[in-house]
Amino acid sequence: MILKILITVIFAGAAVQKFNGKVAPDWDRWGYSRRFMYATGVVELVALALFWRPGLELVGAAAMAVVLLGALATLIRYREAAPHIAMTATTLLVVIAQLYFSTNA
């Protein structure tokens, strides 16, 4: 349950940053549109909702993993700072760990 709450805090925080425009300069620098930024925020929130829905946790986690893989690809492609890449990679590992523990419990 602790991992699930941690994932929720991270994804909810990431979505809020997209909706309030705090990360817009980064998205502009990477060449992504504002619409794509907002769409990503929506996907993050939908993934979270699915993640907490009994029987759909796997679908939600898979959606989160796709978002995180896209984020990692962007961060690596644009040679972002190592801590930013590490945080994203760690979040992906936490999502995978949560899936492992929830399916093997």
Protein backbone atom coordinates (compact mmCIF):
# COMPACT_ATOMS: atom_id res chain seq x y z
CA MET A 1 0.00 0.00 0.00
CA ILE A 2 2.92 2.37 0.70
CA LEU A 3 4.22 2.00 -2.86
CA LYS A 4 0.75 2.63 -4.24
CA ILE A 5 0.43 5.85 -2.24
CA LEU A 6 3.93 6.96 -3.30
CA ILE A 7 3.06 6.36 -6.96
CA THR A 8 -0.17 8.29 -6.52
CA VAL A 9 1.61 11.29 -5.01
CA ILE A 10 4.19 11.33 -7.81
CA PHE A 11 1.66 11.01 -10.64
CA ALA A 12 -0.82 13.46 -9.13
CA GLY A 13 2.00 15.97 -8.63
CA ALA A 14 3.18 15.51 -12.20
CA ALA A 15 -0.34 16.04 -13.55
CA VAL A 16 -0.81 19.20 -11.47
CA GLN A 17 2.46 20.62 -12.81
CA LYS A 18 1.21 20.08 -16.35
CA PHE A 19 -2.18 21.68 -15.71
CA ASN A 20 -0.75 24.74 -13.96
CA GLY A 21 1.86 25.22 -16.71
CA LYS A 22 4.90 24.92 -14.43
CA VAL A 23 6.58 22.46 -16.81
CA ALA A 24 5.47 24.22 -20.02
CA PRO A 25 8.95 25.70 -20.73
CA ASP A 26 10.42 22.19 -20.73
CA TRP A 27 7.74 20.91 -23.11
CA ASP A 28 8.36 23.90 -25.40
CA ARG A 29 12.10 23.19 -25.37
CA TRP A 30 11.45 19.56 -26.30
CA GLY A 31 9.19 20.61 -29.17
CA TYR A 32 5.96 19.24 -27.72
CA SER A 33 2.70 21.17 -27.94
CA ARG A 34 0.73 22.42 -24.97
CA ARG A 35 -2.13 20.16 -26.04
CA PHE A 36 0.15 17.16 -25.77
CA MET A 37 1.28 18.34 -22.33
CA TYR A 38 -2.33 18.62 -21.13
CA ALA A 39 -3.24 15.29 -22.75
CA THR A 40 -0.37 13.66 -20.90
CA GLY A 41 -1.69 15.11 -17.64
CA VAL A 42 -5.13 13.66 -18.40
CA VAL A 43 -3.60 10.26 -19.17
CA GLU A 44 -1.72 10.39 -15.86
CA LEU A 45 -4.95 11.06 -13.95
CA VAL A 46 -6.90 8.38 -15.83
CA ALA A 47 -4.08 5.91 -15.19
CA LEU A 48 -4.24 6.78 -11.48
CA ALA A 49 -8.00 6.24 -11.40
CA LEU A 50 -7.58 2.84 -13.05
CA PHE A 51 -4.68 2.03 -10.74
CA TRP A 52 -7.01 2.36 -7.74
CA ARG A 53 -9.95 0.56 -9.33
CA PRO A 54 -10.14 -3.09 -8.23
CA GLY A 55 -9.47 -5.36 -11.17
CA LEU A 56 -7.97 -2.57 -13.30
CA GLU A 57 -4.75 -1.98 -11.40
CA LEU A 58 -2.73 -3.70 -14.12
CA VAL A 59 -4.25 -1.48 -16.83
CA GLY A 60 -3.53 1.66 -14.81
CA ALA A 61 0.02 0.60 -14.07
CA ALA A 62 0.59 -0.27 -17.74
CA ALA A 63 -0.59 3.21 -18.74
CA MET A 64 1.75 4.72 -16.14
CA ALA A 65 4.62 2.66 -17.49
CA VAL A 66 3.95 3.89 -21.03
CA VAL A 67 3.95 7.50 -19.82
CA LEU A 68 7.18 6.92 -17.89
CA LEU A 69 8.88 5.23 -20.83
CA GLY A 70 7.96 8.18 -23.03
CA ALA A 71 9.29 10.56 -20.41
CA LEU A 72 12.54 8.61 -20.13
CA ALA A 73 12.98 8.60 -23.91
CA THR A 74 12.49 12.38 -23.99
CA LEU A 75 14.81 13.03 -21.06
CA ILE A 76 17.57 10.89 -22.53
CA ARG A 77 17.13 12.27 -26.04
CA TYR A 78 17.46 15.85 -24.83
CA ARG A 79 20.23 15.02 -22.36
CA GLU A 80 18.38 16.30 -19.32
CA ALA A 81 20.01 16.32 -15.90
CA ALA A 82 20.85 12.96 -14.37
CA PRO A 83 18.64 13.49 -11.28
CA HIS A 84 15.59 14.09 -13.52
CA ILE A 85 16.31 10.90 -15.46
CA ALA A 86 16.97 8.98 -12.24
CA MET A 87 13.70 10.11 -10.67
CA THR A 88 11.73 9.01 -13.71
CA ALA A 89 13.53 5.67 -13.91
CA THR A 90 13.03 5.11 -10.18
CA THR A 91 9.33 5.86 -10.50
CA LEU A 92 9.11 3.29 -13.29
CA LEU A 93 10.82 0.72 -11.06
CA VAL A 94 8.41 1.51 -8.22
CA VAL A 95 5.43 1.00 -10.55
CA ILE A 96 6.90 -2.35 -11.64
CA ALA A 97 7.55 -3.32 -8.01
CA GLN A 98 3.95 -2.47 -7.08
CA LEU A 99 2.73 -4.66 -9.92
CA TYR A 100 4.95 -7.52 -8.81
CA PHE A 101 3.80 -7.33 -5.22
CA SER A 102 0.13 -6.97 -6.11
CA THR A 103 0.14 -9.94 -8.50
CA ASN A 104 2.19 -12.18 -6.19
CA ALA A 105 0.41 -11.40 -2.93
